[in-house]
Amino acid sequence: MPLHEGKLTQKLLKELKELGCLCLKLHGHAMQASGWPDALIIHKRFICFIEFKVGNNKLSALQTRMIDLISQRGVKCFIVTFINELLEIRNYKNEQIAVVMDAKGLFEVLSNVTQGDS
């Protein structure tokens, strides 16, 4: 059964909310400018944007440019790819940071990485 990005994203955002995050889904309507990451995540320990991908899907040139612009302004951006039952986490330079199994693992990575300069 193929992975469905929308359903996986919705589930993951719900789980992040249960861990104390405010999650704003940004992607998905005609009134929004193209290229923005899929979600804004706010927690008392960090603020970041996340772009979700499934399998081998890659960032578009516009998404890459927007993530660069956001990152240049000091806000962390991550690309989270759903691969089978795992979540691969990459930074805005597309460098792998971690592979985790669930929202709790993602939350811990976001908490740790946003504290440093990764």
N, C-alpha and C. Protein backbone atom coordinates (compact mmCIF):
# COMPACT_ATOMS: atom_id res chain seq x y z
N MET A 1 0.85 -1.19 0.00
CA MET A 1 0.00 0.00 0.00
C MET A 1 0.89 1.25 0.00
N PRO A 2 0.72 2.15 -0.96
CA PRO A 2 1.57 3.34 -1.03
C PRO A 2 1.33 4.28 0.14
N LEU A 3 2.39 4.99 0.51
CA LEU A 3 2.28 5.98 1.59
C LEU A 3 1.60 7.22 1.05
N HIS A 4 0.71 7.79 1.83
CA HIS A 4 -0.02 8.99 1.44
C HIS A 4 0.48 10.15 2.30
N GLU A 5 1.15 11.12 1.67
CA GLU A 5 1.79 12.21 2.40
C GLU A 5 0.81 12.97 3.29
N GLY A 6 -0.37 13.30 2.78
CA GLY A 6 -1.34 14.08 3.55
C GLY A 6 -1.77 13.39 4.84
N LYS A 7 -2.08 12.11 4.74
CA LYS A 7 -2.52 11.37 5.93
C LYS A 7 -1.39 11.20 6.93
N LEU A 8 -0.19 10.91 6.43
CA LEU A 8 0.96 10.74 7.33
C LEU A 8 1.30 12.05 8.02
N THR A 9 1.24 13.14 7.27
CA THR A 9 1.52 14.47 7.83
C THR A 9 0.50 14.82 8.90
N GLN A 10 -0.76 14.60 8.62
CA GLN A 10 -1.82 14.90 9.58
C GLN A 10 -1.62 14.12 10.88
N LYS A 11 -1.29 12.85 10.76
CA LYS A 11 -1.06 12.01 11.95
C LYS A 11 0.14 12.52 12.74
N LEU A 12 1.22 12.84 12.05
CA LEU A 12 2.43 13.30 12.72
C LEU A 12 2.21 14.64 13.41
N LEU A 13 1.50 15.56 12.77
CA LEU A 13 1.22 16.86 13.39
C LEU A 13 0.33 16.68 14.62
N LYS A 14 -0.62 15.78 14.55
CA LYS A 14 -1.48 15.50 15.72
C LYS A 14 -0.63 15.00 16.88
N GLU A 15 0.31 14.11 16.58
CA GLU A 15 1.17 13.58 17.64
C GLU A 15 2.11 14.64 18.20
N LEU A 16 2.60 15.54 17.34
CA LEU A 16 3.44 16.64 17.84
C LEU A 16 2.63 17.57 18.75
N LYS A 17 1.37 17.80 18.41
CA LYS A 17 0.49 18.60 19.28
C LYS A 17 0.35 17.95 20.65
N GLU A 18 0.22 16.64 20.67
CA GLU A 18 0.11 15.92 21.94
C GLU A 18 1.39 16.04 22.77
N LEU A 19 2.51 16.35 22.12
CA LEU A 19 3.78 16.55 22.82
C LEU A 19 4.01 18.01 23.20
N GLY A 20 2.99 18.86 23.02
CA GLY A 20 3.06 20.25 23.45
C GLY A 20 3.39 21.27 22.38
N CYS A 21 3.40 20.85 21.13
CA CYS A 21 3.70 21.77 20.03
C CYS A 21 2.44 22.43 19.50
N LEU A 22 2.58 23.66 19.03
CA LEU A 22 1.56 24.29 18.21
C LEU A 22 1.96 24.00 16.78
N CYS A 23 1.05 23.50 15.98
CA CYS A 23 1.35 23.10 14.60
C CYS A 23 0.39 23.80 13.65
N LEU A 24 0.95 24.51 12.71
CA LEU A 24 0.15 25.20 11.71
C LEU A 24 0.48 24.62 10.35
N LYS A 25 -0.50 23.97 9.73
CA LYS A 25 -0.30 23.42 8.39
C LYS A 25 -0.41 24.57 7.41
N LEU A 26 0.63 24.77 6.61
CA LEU A 26 0.68 25.92 5.70
C LEU A 26 0.35 25.57 4.27
N HIS A 27 0.48 24.35 3.91
CA HIS A 27 0.37 23.94 2.51
C HIS A 27 -1.04 23.48 2.19
N GLY A 28 -1.51 23.79 1.00
CA GLY A 28 -2.72 23.15 0.57
C GLY A 28 -3.89 24.01 0.15
N HIS A 29 -3.72 25.31 -0.01
CA HIS A 29 -4.85 26.09 -0.50
C HIS A 29 -4.37 27.14 -1.51
N ALA A 30 -5.29 27.58 -2.34
CA ALA A 30 -4.96 28.46 -3.46
C ALA A 30 -4.51 29.86 -3.04
N MET A 31 -4.87 30.30 -1.86
CA MET A 31 -4.54 31.66 -1.42
C MET A 31 -3.13 31.77 -0.85
N GLN A 32 -2.42 30.67 -0.76
CA GLN A 32 -1.08 30.68 -0.19
C GLN A 32 -0.03 30.72 -1.31
N ALA A 33 1.01 31.50 -1.11
CA ALA A 33 2.11 31.55 -2.07
C ALA A 33 2.80 30.19 -2.13
N SER A 34 3.21 29.80 -3.30
CA SER A 34 3.89 28.52 -3.49
C SER A 34 5.29 28.54 -2.90
N GLY A 35 5.77 27.36 -2.53
CA GLY A 35 7.15 27.22 -2.08
C GLY A 35 7.33 27.15 -0.58
N TRP A 36 6.36 27.60 0.18
CA TRP A 36 6.49 27.57 1.64
C TRP A 36 6.50 26.13 2.13
N PRO A 37 7.23 25.85 3.23
CA PRO A 37 7.19 24.51 3.82
C PRO A 37 5.77 24.15 4.26
N ASP A 38 5.55 22.87 4.49
CA ASP A 38 4.22 22.36 4.80
C ASP A 38 3.69 22.78 6.17
N ALA A 39 4.58 22.96 7.15
CA ALA A 39 4.09 23.23 8.51
C ALA A 39 5.05 24.11 9.30
N LEU A 40 4.46 24.91 10.16
CA LEU A 40 5.20 25.71 11.14
C LEU A 40 4.98 25.03 12.48
N ILE A 41 6.06 24.73 13.18
CA ILE A 41 5.99 24.05 14.48
C ILE A 41 6.55 25.00 15.54
N ILE A 42 5.76 25.25 16.58
CA ILE A 42 6.18 26.14 17.66
C ILE A 42 6.08 25.39 18.99
N HIS A 43 7.17 25.44 19.71
CA HIS A 43 7.23 24.85 21.05
C HIS A 43 7.99 25.83 21.92
N LYS A 44 7.86 25.73 23.22
CA LYS A 44 8.56 26.68 24.08
C LYS A 44 10.08 26.55 23.96
N ARG A 45 10.56 25.40 23.42
CA ARG A 45 12.00 25.20 23.24
C ARG A 45 12.49 25.46 21.83
N PHE A 46 11.59 25.58 20.86
CA PHE A 46 12.02 25.79 19.48
C PHE A 46 10.87 26.26 18.59
N ILE A 47 11.26 26.84 17.46
CA ILE A 47 10.35 27.19 16.37
C ILE A 47 11.04 26.73 15.09
N CYS A 48 10.30 26.04 14.23
CA CYS A 48 10.89 25.59 12.97
C CYS A 48 9.80 25.36 11.93
N PHE A 49 10.24 25.26 10.69
CA PHE A 49 9.37 24.86 9.59
C PHE A 49 9.74 23.44 9.18
N ILE A 50 8.75 22.69 8.70
CA ILE A 50 9.00 21.35 8.20
C ILE A 50 8.35 21.20 6.82
N GLU A 51 9.11 20.65 5.90
CA GLU A 51 8.60 20.23 4.60
C GLU A 51 8.54 18.71 4.63
N PHE A 52 7.37 18.15 4.36
CA PHE A 52 7.19 16.70 4.38
C PHE A 52 7.30 16.13 2.97
N LYS A 53 7.94 15.00 2.86
CA LYS A 53 8.06 14.29 1.59
C LYS A 53 7.82 12.80 1.84
N VAL A 54 7.49 12.08 0.77
CA VAL A 54 7.29 10.64 0.87
C VAL A 54 8.25 9.96 -0.10
N GLY A 55 8.90 8.89 0.38
CA GLY A 55 9.76 8.09 -0.49
C GLY A 55 10.88 8.89 -1.13
N ASN A 56 10.95 8.83 -2.46
CA ASN A 56 12.02 9.50 -3.20
C ASN A 56 11.65 10.91 -3.67
N ASN A 57 10.51 11.44 -3.24
CA ASN A 57 10.12 12.79 -3.64
C ASN A 57 11.16 13.79 -3.16
N LYS A 58 11.48 14.75 -4.01
CA LYS A 58 12.50 15.76 -3.71
C LYS A 58 11.88 17.15 -3.65
N LEU A 59 12.63 18.08 -3.08
CA LEU A 59 12.20 19.48 -3.04
C LEU A 59 12.21 20.06 -4.45
N SER A 60 11.23 20.91 -4.74
CA SER A 60 11.25 21.66 -6.00
C SER A 60 12.27 22.79 -5.86
N ALA A 61 12.63 23.40 -6.98
CA ALA A 61 13.54 24.54 -6.95
C ALA A 61 12.96 25.68 -6.11
N LEU A 62 11.65 25.90 -6.22
CA LEU A 62 10.98 26.96 -5.46
C LEU A 62 11.00 26.65 -3.96
N GLN A 63 10.77 25.39 -3.59
CA GLN A 63 10.82 25.01 -2.18
C GLN A 63 12.23 25.18 -1.62
N THR A 64 13.22 24.78 -2.40
CA THR A 64 14.61 24.92 -1.97
C THR A 64 14.94 26.39 -1.73
N ARG A 65 14.52 27.26 -2.64
CA ARG A 65 14.78 28.69 -2.50
C ARG A 65 14.10 29.27 -1.27
N MET A 66 12.84 28.90 -1.03
CA MET A 66 12.11 29.41 0.13
C MET A 66 12.76 28.94 1.43
N ILE A 67 13.15 27.67 1.47
CA ILE A 67 13.79 27.14 2.67
C ILE A 67 15.11 27.86 2.92
N ASP A 68 15.86 28.16 1.85
CA ASP A 68 17.09 28.94 2.00
C ASP A 68 16.80 30.33 2.56
N LEU A 69 15.77 30.99 2.04
CA LEU A 69 15.41 32.34 2.50
C LEU A 69 15.01 32.33 3.98
N ILE A 70 14.22 31.35 4.37
CA ILE A 70 13.80 31.24 5.78
C ILE A 70 15.01 30.98 6.66
N SER A 71 15.86 30.06 6.25
CA SER A 71 17.04 29.70 7.04
C SER A 71 18.01 30.88 7.18
N GLN A 72 18.14 31.68 6.13
CA GLN A 72 19.01 32.86 6.19
C GLN A 72 18.53 33.87 7.23
N ARG A 73 17.27 33.77 7.60
CA ARG A 73 16.71 34.68 8.60
C ARG A 73 16.73 34.08 10.00
N GLY A 74 17.43 32.98 10.15
CA GLY A 74 17.66 32.41 11.48
C GLY A 74 16.61 31.43 11.97
N VAL A 75 15.69 31.02 11.11
CA VAL A 75 14.67 30.06 11.51
C VAL A 75 15.04 28.70 10.92
N LYS A 76 15.06 27.68 11.75
CA LYS A 76 15.42 26.34 11.30
C LYS A 76 14.34 25.76 10.39
N CYS A 77 14.79 25.07 9.36
CA CYS A 77 13.90 24.36 8.45
C CYS A 77 14.39 22.92 8.31
N PHE A 78 13.44 21.99 8.26
CA PHE A 78 13.78 20.58 8.14
C PHE A 78 12.95 19.94 7.05
N ILE A 79 13.53 18.94 6.42
CA ILE A 79 12.81 18.12 5.45
C ILE A 79 12.64 16.77 6.13
N VAL A 80 11.39 16.36 6.32
CA VAL A 80 11.09 15.07 6.95
C VAL A 80 10.48 14.18 5.88
N THR A 81 11.16 13.06 5.60
CA THR A 81 10.72 12.13 4.56
C THR A 81 10.20 10.86 5.21
N PHE A 82 8.98 10.49 4.83
CA PHE A 82 8.39 9.23 5.28
C PHE A 82 8.95 8.12 4.40
N ILE A 83 9.69 7.19 5.00
CA ILE A 83 10.24 6.04 4.28
C ILE A 83 9.79 4.80 5.04
N ASN A 84 8.81 4.10 4.44
CA ASN A 84 8.20 2.95 5.11
C ASN A 84 7.69 3.38 6.47
N GLU A 85 8.21 2.81 7.53
CA GLU A 85 7.76 3.15 8.89
C GLU A 85 8.69 4.14 9.58
N LEU A 86 9.65 4.70 8.84
CA LEU A 86 10.65 5.57 9.44
C LEU A 86 10.49 7.01 8.96
N LEU A 87 11.08 7.92 9.71
CA LEU A 87 11.12 9.33 9.35
C LEU A 87 12.58 9.74 9.21
N GLU A 88 12.98 10.13 8.01
CA GLU A 88 14.33 10.62 7.81
C GLU A 88 14.29 12.14 7.94
N ILE A 89 15.17 12.69 8.75
CA ILE A 89 15.19 14.12 9.01
C ILE A 89 16.46 14.71 8.40
N ARG A 90 16.26 15.75 7.56
CA ARG A 90 17.38 16.44 6.92
C ARG A 90 17.30 17.93 7.26
N ASN A 91 18.46 18.59 7.28
CA ASN A 91 18.46 20.02 7.51
C ASN A 91 18.24 20.76 6.20
N TYR A 92 18.24 22.08 6.25
CA TYR A 92 17.93 22.87 5.06
C TYR A 92 18.99 22.71 3.97
N LYS A 93 20.17 22.21 4.32
CA LYS A 93 21.21 21.94 3.33
C LYS A 93 21.06 20.54 2.75
N ASN A 94 19.98 19.84 3.13
CA ASN A 94 19.67 18.49 2.68
C ASN A 94 20.65 17.46 3.22
N GLU A 95 21.26 17.75 4.37
CA GLU A 95 22.16 16.80 5.02
C GLU A 95 21.36 16.00 6.05
N GLN A 96 21.55 14.70 6.02
CA GLN A 96 20.81 13.85 6.96
C GLN A 96 21.24 14.14 8.39
N ILE A 97 20.24 14.30 9.26
CA ILE A 97 20.49 14.54 10.68
C ILE A 97 20.21 13.26 11.46
N ALA A 98 19.07 12.61 11.15
CA ALA A 98 18.66 11.44 11.93
C ALA A 98 17.59 10.67 11.18
N VAL A 99 17.41 9.43 11.61
CA VAL A 99 16.28 8.61 11.19
C VAL A 99 15.60 8.15 12.47
N VAL A 100 14.30 8.43 12.58
CA VAL A 100 13.55 8.10 13.79
C VAL A 100 12.31 7.30 13.42
N MET A 101 11.64 6.78 14.43
CA MET A 101 10.49 5.92 14.20
C MET A 101 9.15 6.61 14.38
N ASP A 102 9.11 7.75 15.08
CA ASP A 102 7.81 8.32 15.41
C ASP A 102 7.91 9.80 15.75
N ALA A 103 6.77 10.39 16.09
CA ALA A 103 6.72 11.81 16.42
C ALA A 103 7.57 12.14 17.65
N LYS A 104 7.62 11.23 18.60
CA LYS A 104 8.44 11.48 19.79
C LYS A 104 9.91 11.60 19.41
N GLY A 105 10.37 10.71 18.52
CA GLY A 105 11.75 10.79 18.05
C GLY A 105 12.01 12.07 17.29
N LEU A 106 11.05 12.47 16.44
CA LEU A 106 11.16 13.72 15.70
C LEU A 106 11.23 14.90 16.66
N PHE A 107 10.37 14.92 17.64
CA PHE A 107 10.33 15.99 18.64
C PHE A 107 11.69 16.12 19.34
N GLU A 108 12.27 14.99 19.73
CA GLU A 108 13.56 15.03 20.43
C GLU A 108 14.66 15.57 19.52
N VAL A 109 14.66 15.16 18.25
CA VAL A 109 15.65 15.67 17.31
C VAL A 109 15.47 17.18 17.13
N LEU A 110 14.23 17.64 16.91
CA LEU A 110 13.97 19.06 16.74
C LEU A 110 14.42 19.85 17.97
N SER A 111 14.13 19.32 19.16
CA SER A 111 14.52 19.99 20.40
C SER A 111 16.02 20.13 20.50
N ASN A 112 16.73 19.08 20.14
CA ASN A 112 18.20 19.10 20.26
C ASN A 112 18.86 19.92 19.17
N VAL A 113 18.43 19.75 17.93
CA VAL A 113 19.08 20.41 16.80
C VAL A 113 18.82 21.91 16.81
N THR A 114 17.65 22.33 17.20
CA THR A 114 17.35 23.76 17.18
C THR A 114 18.09 24.52 18.27
N GLN A 115 18.67 23.81 19.23
CA GLN A 115 19.43 24.46 20.29
C GLN A 115 20.85 24.81 19.82
N GLY A 116 21.34 24.11 18.79
CA GLY A 116 22.69 24.35 18.29
C GLY A 116 22.67 25.04 16.96
N ASP A 117 23.73 24.90 16.22
CA ASP A 117 23.87 25.56 14.92
C ASP A 117 23.81 24.57 13.78
N SER A 118 23.17 23.41 13.93
CA SER A 118 23.14 22.41 12.86
C SER A 118 22.29 22.85 11.71
